[in-house]
């Protein structure tokens, strides 16, 4: 009888803390002219909390995580190698798009290894690097087929970066849910998506992410490792932000891990407000885990 009583107390306690966390998150998003989806997944006990976690929303550059996984699958199959040299022409380096590669090598006509290209694409979110990778593996269809094969649902990829830059309407072609993003992060962490070698490589790359310092990582202690991937649309001519996103795996000081995915979509708020919502939510979630409420 005592065992059942203890179990009941634990379950009720966990439920209350989950509800309290939801209330605090909703307080942050209250009154904001935006759709905000949040999913949190504890890797150790598989407990989750989400708000609008099943809403299909524009993914933006978060899809570079999915693309990198599809490329690494080709590496695992022996079709590609991280040491393979990729020739990058000047014509590959499109203007008017975010591209650290182009900034560093404006004349193009260079070679870099596939591993370096993945790091530019993921850690620095290079749009030109992204499309070079897509062309290398056969386009968005290859990514879609691979992600589907891993039983990850509610993910659609149809447009590359070049197409998305032709009009804001194309940014709505690539969608996922925050629940789906967290499931992929957990399966990736558990080495169910690509090999251990490829998992370790991409995890290191995600930990080196330089974009989105004002999002998930902004208010966390500097010594907390966060492997994350960001996405941003910018604003259209009416001031609408189609997406301000961040997904990641957070490692706690005691060695536990959790996934957190936050999408701010169709927002009429300022960039500062959008990113602060993400940062504030991330901090609250971290505090809950630090107090071992999950």
C-alpha atoms as a PDB file:
ATOM      1  CA  UNK A   1       0.000   0.000   0.000  1.00  0.00           C
ATOM      2  CA  UNK A   2       2.842   2.366   0.866  1.00  0.00           C
ATOM      3  CA  UNK A   3       4.448   1.722  -2.562  1.00  0.00           C
ATOM      4  CA  UNK A   4       1.234   2.704  -4.313  1.00  0.00           C
ATOM      5  CA  UNK A   5       0.938   5.805  -2.158  1.00  0.00           C
ATOM      6  CA  UNK A   6       4.489   6.895  -2.957  1.00  0.00           C
ATOM      7  CA  UNK A   7       3.931   6.275  -6.666  1.00  0.00           C
ATOM      8  CA  UNK A   8       0.712   8.290  -6.578  1.00  0.00           C
ATOM      9  CA  UNK A   9       2.462  11.181  -4.848  1.00  0.00           C
ATOM     10  CA  UNK A  10       5.261  11.146  -7.432  1.00  0.00           C
ATOM     11  CA  UNK A  11       2.823  11.081 -10.343  1.00  0.00           C
ATOM     12  CA  UNK A  12       0.696  13.874  -8.916  1.00  0.00           C
ATOM     13  CA  UNK A  13       3.804  15.900  -8.090  1.00  0.00           C
ATOM     14  CA  UNK A  14       5.146  15.470 -11.636  1.00  0.00           C
ATOM     15  CA  UNK A  15       1.787  16.448 -13.087  1.00  0.00           C
ATOM     16  CA  UNK A  16       1.627  19.578 -10.931  1.00  0.00           C
ATOM     17  CA  UNK A  17       5.117  20.659 -11.873  1.00  0.00           C
ATOM     18  CA  UNK A  18       4.338  20.095 -15.571  1.00  0.00           C
ATOM     19  CA  UNK A  19       1.222  22.213 -15.261  1.00  0.00           C
ATOM     20  CA  UNK A  20       3.148  24.900 -13.404  1.00  0.00           C
ATOM     21  CA  UNK A  21       5.806  24.935 -16.121  1.00  0.00           C
ATOM     22  CA  UNK A  22       3.124  25.319 -18.774  1.00  0.00           C
ATOM     23  CA  UNK A  23       1.591  28.207 -16.843  1.00  0.00           C
ATOM     24  CA  UNK A  24       4.939  29.994 -16.613  1.00  0.00           C
ATOM     25  CA  UNK A  25       5.579  29.531 -20.329  1.00  0.00           C
ATOM     26  CA  UNK A  26       2.106  30.786 -21.199  1.00  0.00           C
ATOM     27  CA  UNK A  27       2.721  33.825 -19.008  1.00  0.00           C
ATOM     28  CA  UNK A  28       5.762  34.674 -21.165  1.00  0.00           C
ATOM     29  CA  UNK A  29       3.801  34.381 -24.406  1.00  0.00           C
ATOM     30  CA  UNK A  30       0.637  36.043 -23.083  1.00  0.00           C
ATOM     31  CA  UNK A  31      -0.501  38.996 -25.164  1.00  0.00           C
ATOM     32  CA  UNK A  32       2.099  38.426 -27.871  1.00  0.00           C
ATOM     33  CA  UNK A  33       0.935  38.695 -31.473  1.00  0.00           C
ATOM     34  CA  UNK A  34       2.579  35.425 -32.457  1.00  0.00           C
ATOM     35  CA  UNK A  35       2.120  31.667 -32.516  1.00  0.00           C
ATOM     36  CA  UNK A  36       4.545  30.092 -30.061  1.00  0.00           C
ATOM     37  CA  UNK A  37       5.092  26.333 -29.928  1.00  0.00           C
ATOM     38  CA  UNK A  38       7.225  24.775 -27.206  1.00  0.00           C
ATOM     39  CA  UNK A  39       8.202  21.160 -26.567  1.00  0.00           C
ATOM     40  CA  UNK A  40      10.396  19.829 -23.769  1.00  0.00           C
ATOM     41  CA  UNK A  41      11.501  16.193 -23.530  1.00  0.00           C
ATOM     42  CA  UNK A  42      13.393  14.620 -20.623  1.00  0.00           C
ATOM     43  CA  UNK A  43      15.699  11.970 -22.089  1.00  0.00           C
ATOM     44  CA  UNK A  44      16.064  10.062 -18.816  1.00  0.00           C
ATOM     45  CA  UNK A  45      12.415   9.281 -18.140  1.00  0.00           C
ATOM     46  CA  UNK A  46      10.868  10.180 -21.509  1.00  0.00           C
ATOM     47  CA  UNK A  47       8.495  12.676 -19.888  1.00  0.00           C
ATOM     48  CA  UNK A  48       7.440  15.589 -22.028  1.00  0.00           C
ATOM     49  CA  UNK A  49       5.658  18.903 -21.785  1.00  0.00           C
ATOM     50  CA  UNK A  50       4.428  20.791 -24.793  1.00  0.00           C
ATOM     51  CA  UNK A  51       2.344  23.765 -25.835  1.00  0.00           C
ATOM     52  CA  UNK A  52       1.122  23.612 -29.447  1.00  0.00           C
ATOM     53  CA  UNK A  53       3.670  20.840 -29.897  1.00  0.00           C
ATOM     54  CA  UNK A  54       1.733  19.266 -32.774  1.00  0.00           C
ATOM     55  CA  UNK A  55       1.325  22.462 -34.801  1.00  0.00           C
ATOM     56  CA  UNK A  56       3.079  22.255 -38.173  1.00  0.00           C
ATOM     57  CA  UNK A  57       5.109  25.450 -38.463  1.00  0.00           C
ATOM     58  CA  UNK A  58       7.793  26.805 -40.812  1.00  0.00           C
ATOM     59  CA  UNK A  59      11.138  25.249 -39.925  1.00  0.00           C
ATOM     60  CA  UNK A  60      13.547  27.632 -41.716  1.00  0.00           C
ATOM     61  CA  UNK A  61      17.248  26.841 -41.147  1.00  0.00           C
ATOM     62  CA  UNK A  62      16.480  24.259 -38.474  1.00  0.00           C
ATOM     63  CA  UNK A  63      16.123  21.944 -41.479  1.00  0.00           C
ATOM     64  CA  UNK A  64      19.900  22.052 -41.888  1.00  0.00           C
ATOM     65  CA  UNK A  65      20.024  19.587 -38.978  1.00  0.00           C
ATOM     66  CA  UNK A  66      17.829  17.185 -40.947  1.00  0.00           C
ATOM     67  CA  UNK A  67      19.907  17.770 -44.085  1.00  0.00           C
ATOM     68  CA  UNK A  68      23.167  17.105 -42.235  1.00  0.00           C
ATOM     69  CA  UNK A  69      21.750  13.813 -40.963  1.00  0.00           C
ATOM     70  CA  UNK A  70      20.829  12.765 -44.511  1.00  0.00           C
ATOM     71  CA  UNK A  71      24.343  13.638 -45.718  1.00  0.00           C
ATOM     72  CA  UNK A  72      25.940  11.708 -42.851  1.00  0.00           C
ATOM     73  CA  UNK A  73      23.776   8.721 -43.714  1.00  0.00           C
ATOM     74  CA  UNK A  74      25.462   8.758 -47.135  1.00  0.00           C
ATOM     75  CA  UNK A  75      28.805   8.815 -45.314  1.00  0.00           C
ATOM     76  CA  UNK A  76      27.752   5.839 -43.174  1.00  0.00           C
ATOM     77  CA  UNK A  77      26.820   3.942 -46.345  1.00  0.00           C
ATOM     78  CA  UNK A  78      30.224   4.625 -47.879  1.00  0.00           C
ATOM     79  CA  UNK A  79      28.834   6.793 -50.672  1.00  0.00           C
ATOM     80  CA  UNK A  80      30.581   9.879 -49.327  1.00  0.00           C
ATOM     81  CA  UNK A  81      33.480  10.649 -46.990  1.00  0.00           C
ATOM     82  CA  UNK A  82      33.982  13.541 -44.586  1.00  0.00           C
ATOM     83  CA  UNK A  83      37.454  13.878 -46.118  1.00  0.00           C
ATOM     84  CA  UNK A  84      36.079  14.161 -49.653  1.00  0.00           C
ATOM     85  CA  UNK A  85      37.058  17.468 -51.269  1.00  0.00           C
ATOM     86  CA  UNK A  86      34.121  19.468 -52.603  1.00  0.00           C
ATOM     87  CA  UNK A  87      34.857  22.037 -55.312  1.00  0.00           C
ATOM     88  CA  UNK A  88      32.912  25.248 -54.781  1.00  0.00           C
ATOM     89  CA  UNK A  89      32.517  27.496 -57.812  1.00  0.00           C
ATOM     90  CA  UNK A  90      31.953  31.228 -57.612  1.00  0.00           C
ATOM     91  CA  UNK A  91      28.530  30.614 -59.129  1.00  0.00           C
ATOM     92  CA  UNK A  92      27.666  28.422 -56.124  1.00  0.00           C
ATOM     93  CA  UNK A  93      28.077  31.408 -53.819  1.00  0.00           C
ATOM     94  CA  UNK A  94      24.859  33.317 -54.365  1.00  0.00           C
ATOM     95  CA  UNK A  95      24.582  36.926 -53.247  1.00  0.00           C
ATOM     96  CA  UNK A  96      21.893  38.342 -50.952  1.00  0.00           C
ATOM     97  CA  UNK A  97      21.876  35.326 -48.673  1.00  0.00           C
ATOM     98  CA  UNK A  98      23.612  34.484 -45.403  1.00  0.00           C
ATOM     99  CA  UNK A  99      26.897  32.838 -46.351  1.00  0.00           C
ATOM    100  CA  UNK A 100      30.082  32.941 -44.248  1.00  0.00           C
ATOM    101  CA  UNK A 101      31.704  30.835 -46.986  1.00  0.00           C
ATOM    102  CA  UNK A 102      31.092  33.592 -49.542  1.00  0.00           C
ATOM    103  CA  UNK A 103      32.300  36.239 -47.120  1.00  0.00           C
ATOM    104  CA  UNK A 104      35.571  34.397 -46.580  1.00  0.00           C
ATOM    105  CA  UNK A 105      36.034  33.197 -50.161  1.00  0.00           C
ATOM    106  CA  UNK A 106      34.209  35.774 -52.341  1.00  0.00           C
ATOM    107  CA  UNK A 107      35.810  34.555 -55.569  1.00  0.00           C
ATOM    108  CA  UNK A 108      34.929  30.934 -54.958  1.00  0.00           C
ATOM    109  CA  UNK A 109      36.757  28.296 -56.979  1.00  0.00           C
ATOM    110  CA  UNK A 110      37.993  26.626 -53.806  1.00  0.00           C
ATOM    111  CA  UNK A 111      37.976  23.156 -52.329  1.00  0.00           C
ATOM    112  CA  UNK A 112      36.902  22.209 -48.833  1.00  0.00           C
ATOM    113  CA  UNK A 113      36.200  18.856 -47.288  1.00  0.00           C
ATOM    114  CA  UNK A 114      32.679  17.590 -46.837  1.00  0.00           C
ATOM    115  CA  UNK A 115      33.216  17.761 -43.083  1.00  0.00           C
ATOM    116  CA  UNK A 116      34.114  21.454 -43.311  1.00  0.00           C
ATOM    117  CA  UNK A 117      31.096  22.105 -45.527  1.00  0.00           C
ATOM    118  CA  UNK A 118      28.758  20.468 -42.998  1.00  0.00           C
ATOM    119  CA  UNK A 119      30.260  22.589 -40.212  1.00  0.00           C
ATOM    120  CA  UNK A 120      29.727  25.787 -42.196  1.00  0.00           C
ATOM    121  CA  UNK A 121      26.146  24.729 -42.955  1.00  0.00           C
ATOM    122  CA  UNK A 122      25.169  23.686 -39.429  1.00  0.00           C
ATOM    123  CA  UNK A 123      27.346  25.621 -36.978  1.00  0.00           C
ATOM    124  CA  UNK A 124      27.319  28.854 -39.013  1.00  0.00           C
ATOM    125  CA  UNK A 125      24.024  28.217 -40.874  1.00  0.00           C
ATOM    126  CA  UNK A 126      25.527  28.926 -44.293  1.00  0.00           C
ATOM    127  CA  UNK A 127      22.748  28.997 -46.901  1.00  0.00           C
ATOM    128  CA  UNK A 128      25.001  28.409 -49.898  1.00  0.00           C
ATOM    129  CA  UNK A 129      26.673  25.512 -48.111  1.00  0.00           C
ATOM    130  CA  UNK A 130      23.223  24.076 -47.434  1.00  0.00           C
ATOM    131  CA  UNK A 131      22.251  24.013 -51.101  1.00  0.00           C
ATOM    132  CA  UNK A 132      25.616  22.554 -52.127  1.00  0.00           C
ATOM    133  CA  UNK A 133      24.982  19.685 -49.708  1.00  0.00           C
ATOM    134  CA  UNK A 134      21.458  19.191 -51.054  1.00  0.00           C
ATOM    135  CA  UNK A 135      22.727  18.995 -54.638  1.00  0.00           C
ATOM    136  CA  UNK A 136      25.374  16.516 -53.535  1.00  0.00           C
ATOM    137  CA  UNK A 137      22.823  14.006 -52.210  1.00  0.00           C
ATOM    138  CA  UNK A 138      20.065  14.510 -54.778  1.00  0.00           C
ATOM    139  CA  UNK A 139      17.940  17.299 -53.363  1.00  0.00           C
ATOM    140  CA  UNK A 140      15.202  17.704 -50.786  1.00  0.00           C
ATOM    141  CA  UNK A 141      13.559  14.422 -51.821  1.00  0.00           C
ATOM    142  CA  UNK A 142      16.537  12.472 -50.461  1.00  0.00           C
ATOM    143  CA  UNK A 143      16.230  14.227 -47.104  1.00  0.00           C
ATOM    144  CA  UNK A 144      12.468  13.614 -46.955  1.00  0.00           C
ATOM    145  CA  UNK A 145      12.878   9.927 -47.741  1.00  0.00           C
ATOM    146  CA  UNK A 146      15.628   9.480 -45.155  1.00  0.00           C
ATOM    147  CA  UNK A 147      13.780  11.233 -42.330  1.00  0.00           C
ATOM    148  CA  UNK A 148      10.625   9.257 -43.145  1.00  0.00           C
ATOM    149  CA  UNK A 149      12.630   6.026 -43.002  1.00  0.00           C
ATOM    150  CA  UNK A 150      13.532   6.818 -39.389  1.00  0.00           C
ATOM    151  CA  UNK A 151       9.864   7.002 -38.349  1.00  0.00           C
ATOM    152  CA  UNK A 152      10.025  10.748 -37.766  1.00  0.00           C
ATOM    153  CA  UNK A 153       6.620  12.144 -38.687  1.00  0.00           C
ATOM    154  CA  UNK A 154       5.269  15.652 -39.287  1.00  0.00           C
ATOM    155  CA  UNK A 155       8.319  16.842 -41.208  1.00  0.00           C
ATOM    156  CA  UNK A 156       8.139  18.154 -44.762  1.00  0.00           C
ATOM    157  CA  UNK A 157      10.966  19.561 -46.864  1.00  0.00           C
ATOM    158  CA  UNK A 158      10.289  20.851 -50.377  1.00  0.00           C
ATOM    159  CA  UNK A 159      12.285  24.058 -50.865  1.00  0.00           C
ATOM    160  CA  UNK A 160      16.018  24.710 -50.718  1.00  0.00           C
ATOM    161  CA  UNK A 161      17.514  28.001 -49.535  1.00  0.00           C
ATOM    162  CA  UNK A 162      17.653  29.478 -53.032  1.00  0.00           C
ATOM    163  CA  UNK A 163      13.925  28.933 -53.534  1.00  0.00           C
ATOM    164  CA  UNK A 164      13.032  30.252 -50.075  1.00  0.00           C
ATOM    165  CA  UNK A 165      14.882  33.460 -50.915  1.00  0.00           C
ATOM    166  CA  UNK A 166      12.663  33.998 -53.970  1.00  0.00           C
ATOM    167  CA  UNK A 167       9.633  34.814 -51.832  1.00  0.00           C
ATOM    168  CA  UNK A 168       8.401  34.587 -48.261  1.00  0.00           C
ATOM    169  CA  UNK A 169       5.593  32.280 -49.393  1.00  0.00           C
ATOM    170  CA  UNK A 170       8.169  29.560 -50.113  1.00  0.00           C
ATOM    171  CA  UNK A 171       9.257  29.575 -46.469  1.00  0.00           C
ATOM    172  CA  UNK A 172       5.975  27.879 -45.592  1.00  0.00           C
ATOM    173  CA  UNK A 173       6.838  24.821 -47.714  1.00  0.00           C
ATOM    174  CA  UNK A 174       9.221  23.351 -45.139  1.00  0.00           C
ATOM    175  CA  UNK A 175       7.442  22.543 -41.882  1.00  0.00           C
ATOM    176  CA  UNK A 176       7.703  20.440 -38.767  1.00  0.00           C
ATOM    177  CA  UNK A 177       6.353  20.361 -35.223  1.00  0.00           C
ATOM    178  CA  UNK A 178       8.282  20.982 -32.037  1.00  0.00           C
ATOM    179  CA  UNK A 179       7.292  17.498 -30.853  1.00  0.00           C
ATOM    180  CA  UNK A 180       8.736  16.009 -34.027  1.00  0.00           C
ATOM    181  CA  UNK A 181      11.916  18.040 -33.625  1.00  0.00           C
ATOM    182  CA  UNK A 182      12.375  16.736 -30.088  1.00  0.00           C
ATOM    183  CA  UNK A 183      11.783  13.147 -31.167  1.00  0.00           C
ATOM    184  CA  UNK A 184      14.471  13.521 -33.821  1.00  0.00           C
ATOM    185  CA  UNK A 185      16.853  15.073 -31.300  1.00  0.00           C
ATOM    186  CA  UNK A 186      16.290  12.206 -28.859  1.00  0.00           C
ATOM    187  CA  UNK A 187      16.716   9.507 -31.516  1.00  0.00           C
ATOM    188  CA  UNK A 188      19.827  11.264 -32.814  1.00  0.00           C
ATOM    189  CA  UNK A 189      21.256  11.450 -29.271  1.00  0.00           C
ATOM    190  CA  UNK A 190      20.548   7.733 -28.812  1.00  0.00           C
ATOM    191  CA  UNK A 191      22.399   6.986 -32.079  1.00  0.00           C
ATOM    192  CA  UNK A 192      19.279   5.671 -33.822  1.00  0.00           C
ATOM    193  CA  UNK A 193      19.564   8.000 -36.834  1.00  0.00           C
ATOM    194  CA  UNK A 194      23.213   7.753 -37.930  1.00  0.00           C
ATOM    195  CA  UNK A 195      26.286   5.851 -36.750  1.00  0.00           C
ATOM    196  CA  UNK A 196      28.125   6.621 -33.521  1.00  0.00           C
ATOM    197  CA  UNK A 197      30.964   8.243 -35.476  1.00  0.00           C
ATOM    198  CA  UNK A 198      28.547  10.440 -37.419  1.00  0.00           C
ATOM    199  CA  UNK A 199      26.539  11.211 -34.279  1.00  0.00           C
ATOM    200  CA  UNK A 200      29.671  12.325 -32.440  1.00  0.00           C
ATOM    201  CA  UNK A 201      30.745  14.490 -35.380  1.00  0.00           C
ATOM    202  CA  UNK A 202      27.390  16.228 -35.682  1.00  0.00           C
ATOM    203  CA  UNK A 203      26.994  16.621 -31.916  1.00  0.00           C
ATOM    204  CA  UNK A 204      30.353  18.411 -31.789  1.00  0.00           C
ATOM    205  CA  UNK A 205      29.254  20.588 -34.704  1.00  0.00           C
ATOM    206  CA  UNK A 206      25.968  21.509 -32.998  1.00  0.00           C
ATOM    207  CA  UNK A 207      27.847  22.411 -29.827  1.00  0.00           C
ATOM    208  CA  UNK A 208      29.896  24.849 -31.932  1.00  0.00           C
ATOM    209  CA  UNK A 209      26.819  26.680 -33.253  1.00  0.00           C
ATOM    210  CA  UNK A 210      27.578  30.402 -33.440  1.00  0.00           C
ATOM    211  CA  UNK A 211      24.136  31.650 -34.496  1.00  0.00           C
ATOM    212  CA  UNK A 212      21.262  32.422 -32.119  1.00  0.00           C
ATOM    213  CA  UNK A 213      23.276  33.495 -29.105  1.00  0.00           C
ATOM    214  CA  UNK A 214      20.155  35.448 -28.079  1.00  0.00           C
ATOM    215  CA  UNK A 215      17.880  32.383 -28.098  1.00  0.00           C
ATOM    216  CA  UNK A 216      18.020  29.076 -26.177  1.00  0.00           C
ATOM    217  CA  UNK A 217      21.532  29.635 -24.813  1.00  0.00           C
ATOM    218  CA  UNK A 218      21.173  33.339 -23.957  1.00  0.00           C
ATOM    219  CA  UNK A 219      20.281  33.050 -20.266  1.00  0.00           C
ATOM    220  CA  UNK A 220      21.841  29.673 -19.465  1.00  0.00           C
ATOM    221  CA  UNK A 221      25.104  29.403 -17.511  1.00  0.00           C
ATOM    222  CA  UNK A 222      28.122  29.597 -19.825  1.00  0.00           C
ATOM    223  CA  UNK A 223      29.387  26.187 -18.699  1.00  0.00           C
ATOM    224  CA  UNK A 224      26.205  24.393 -19.843  1.00  0.00           C
ATOM    225  CA  UNK A 225      26.754  22.535 -23.157  1.00  0.00           C
ATOM    226  CA  UNK A 226      23.942  23.139 -25.654  1.00  0.00           C
ATOM    227  CA  UNK A 227      23.907  21.379 -29.022  1.00  0.00           C
ATOM    228  CA  UNK A 228      21.432  23.431 -31.027  1.00  0.00           C
ATOM    229  CA  UNK A 229      20.281  24.595 -34.451  1.00  0.00           C
ATOM    230  CA  UNK A 230      18.571  27.879 -35.146  1.00  0.00           C
ATOM    231  CA  UNK A 231      16.315  29.236 -37.863  1.00  0.00           C
ATOM    232  CA  UNK A 232      15.208  32.771 -38.730  1.00  0.00           C
ATOM    233  CA  UNK A 233      13.150  34.254 -41.538  1.00  0.00           C
ATOM    234  CA  UNK A 234      13.664  37.963 -40.980  1.00  0.00           C
ATOM    235  CA  UNK A 235      10.664  40.244 -41.549  1.00  0.00           C
ATOM    236  CA  UNK A 236       8.577  40.728 -44.656  1.00  0.00           C
ATOM    237  CA  UNK A 237       7.564  44.183 -45.919  1.00  0.00           C
ATOM    238  CA  UNK A 238       4.574  44.194 -43.527  1.00  0.00           C
ATOM    239  CA  UNK A 239       6.719  43.522 -40.472  1.00  0.00           C
ATOM    240  CA  UNK A 240       5.749  39.850 -40.189  1.00  0.00           C
ATOM    241  CA  UNK A 241       8.315  37.363 -38.878  1.00  0.00           C
ATOM    242  CA  UNK A 242       7.463  33.999 -40.383  1.00  0.00           C
ATOM    243  CA  UNK A 243       9.759  32.115 -38.017  1.00  0.00           C
ATOM    244  CA  UNK A 244      12.233  32.588 -35.191  1.00  0.00           C
ATOM    245  CA  UNK A 245      13.260  29.082 -34.128  1.00  0.00           C
ATOM    246  CA  UNK A 246      15.734  27.165 -32.015  1.00  0.00           C
ATOM    247  CA  UNK A 247      15.993  23.461 -31.153  1.00  0.00           C
ATOM    248  CA  UNK A 248      18.614  21.785 -29.037  1.00  0.00           C
ATOM    249  CA  UNK A 249      19.906  19.263 -26.532  1.00  0.00           C
ATOM    250  CA  UNK A 250      20.909  20.643 -23.133  1.00  0.00           C
ATOM    251  CA  UNK A 251      23.300  18.810 -20.811  1.00  0.00           C
ATOM    252  CA  UNK A 252      22.761  19.466 -17.112  1.00  0.00           C
ATOM    253  CA  UNK A 253      25.621  19.548 -14.583  1.00  0.00           C
ATOM    254  CA  UNK A 254      24.532  16.151 -13.193  1.00  0.00           C
ATOM    255  CA  UNK A 255      24.800  14.545 -16.635  1.00  0.00           C
ATOM    256  CA  UNK A 256      21.103  14.446 -17.499  1.00  0.00           C
ATOM    257  CA  UNK A 257      19.926  15.680 -20.904  1.00  0.00           C
ATOM    258  CA  UNK A 258      16.756  17.172 -22.263  1.00  0.00           C
ATOM    259  CA  UNK A 259      15.581  18.400 -25.642  1.00  0.00           C
ATOM    260  CA  UNK A 260      13.898  21.745 -26.086  1.00  0.00           C
ATOM    261  CA  UNK A 261      12.335  23.086 -29.280  1.00  0.00           C
ATOM    262  CA  UNK A 262      10.797  26.536 -29.529  1.00  0.00           C
ATOM    263  CA  UNK A 263       9.184  27.962 -32.664  1.00  0.00           C
ATOM    264  CA  UNK A 264       7.880  31.535 -32.817  1.00  0.00           C
ATOM    265  CA  UNK A 265       5.791  31.828 -35.970  1.00  0.00           C
ATOM    266  CA  UNK A 266       3.766  34.482 -37.800  1.00  0.00           C
ATOM    267  CA  UNK A 267       4.847  37.098 -35.295  1.00  0.00           C
ATOM    268  CA  UNK A 268       4.208  40.816 -35.516  1.00  0.00           C
ATOM    269  CA  UNK A 269       6.465  41.384 -32.532  1.00  0.00           C
ATOM    270  CA  UNK A 270       9.982  42.806 -32.811  1.00  0.00           C
ATOM    271  CA  UNK A 271      13.003  40.554 -33.266  1.00  0.00           C
ATOM    272  CA  UNK A 272      14.085  41.449 -29.733  1.00  0.00           C
ATOM    273  CA  UNK A 273      10.721  40.338 -28.335  1.00  0.00           C
ATOM    274  CA  UNK A 274      10.696  37.106 -30.345  1.00  0.00           C
ATOM    275  CA  UNK A 275      14.181  36.071 -29.284  1.00  0.00           C
ATOM    276  CA  UNK A 276      13.604  37.097 -25.660  1.00  0.00           C
ATOM    277  CA  UNK A 277      10.549  34.845 -25.514  1.00  0.00           C
ATOM    278  CA  UNK A 278      12.748  31.948 -26.597  1.00  0.00           C
ATOM    279  CA  UNK A 279      15.476  32.869 -24.109  1.00  0.00           C
ATOM    280  CA  UNK A 280      13.020  33.348 -21.225  1.00  0.00           C
ATOM    281  CA  UNK A 281      11.290  30.020 -21.899  1.00  0.00           C
ATOM    282  CA  UNK A 282      14.630  28.227 -22.122  1.00  0.00           C
ATOM    283  CA  UNK A 283      15.723  29.682 -18.779  1.00  0.00           C
ATOM    284  CA  UNK A 284      12.515  28.618 -17.025  1.00  0.00           C
ATOM    285  CA  UNK A 285      12.833  25.079 -18.385  1.00  0.00           C
ATOM    286  CA  UNK A 286      16.485  24.905 -17.305  1.00  0.00           C
ATOM    287  CA  UNK A 287      15.537  26.051 -13.811  1.00  0.00           C
ATOM    288  CA  UNK A 288      12.852  23.358 -13.566  1.00  0.00           C
ATOM    289  CA  UNK A 289      15.301  20.635 -14.589  1.00  0.00           C
ATOM    290  CA  UNK A 290      17.965  22.004 -12.255  1.00  0.00           C
ATOM    291  CA  UNK A 291      15.526  21.595  -9.370  1.00  0.00           C
ATOM    292  CA  UNK A 292      14.856  18.013 -10.575  1.00  0.00           C
ATOM    293  CA  UNK A 293      11.158  18.638 -11.051  1.00  0.00           C
ATOM    294  CA  UNK A 294      11.024  16.278 -14.013  1.00  0.00           C
END
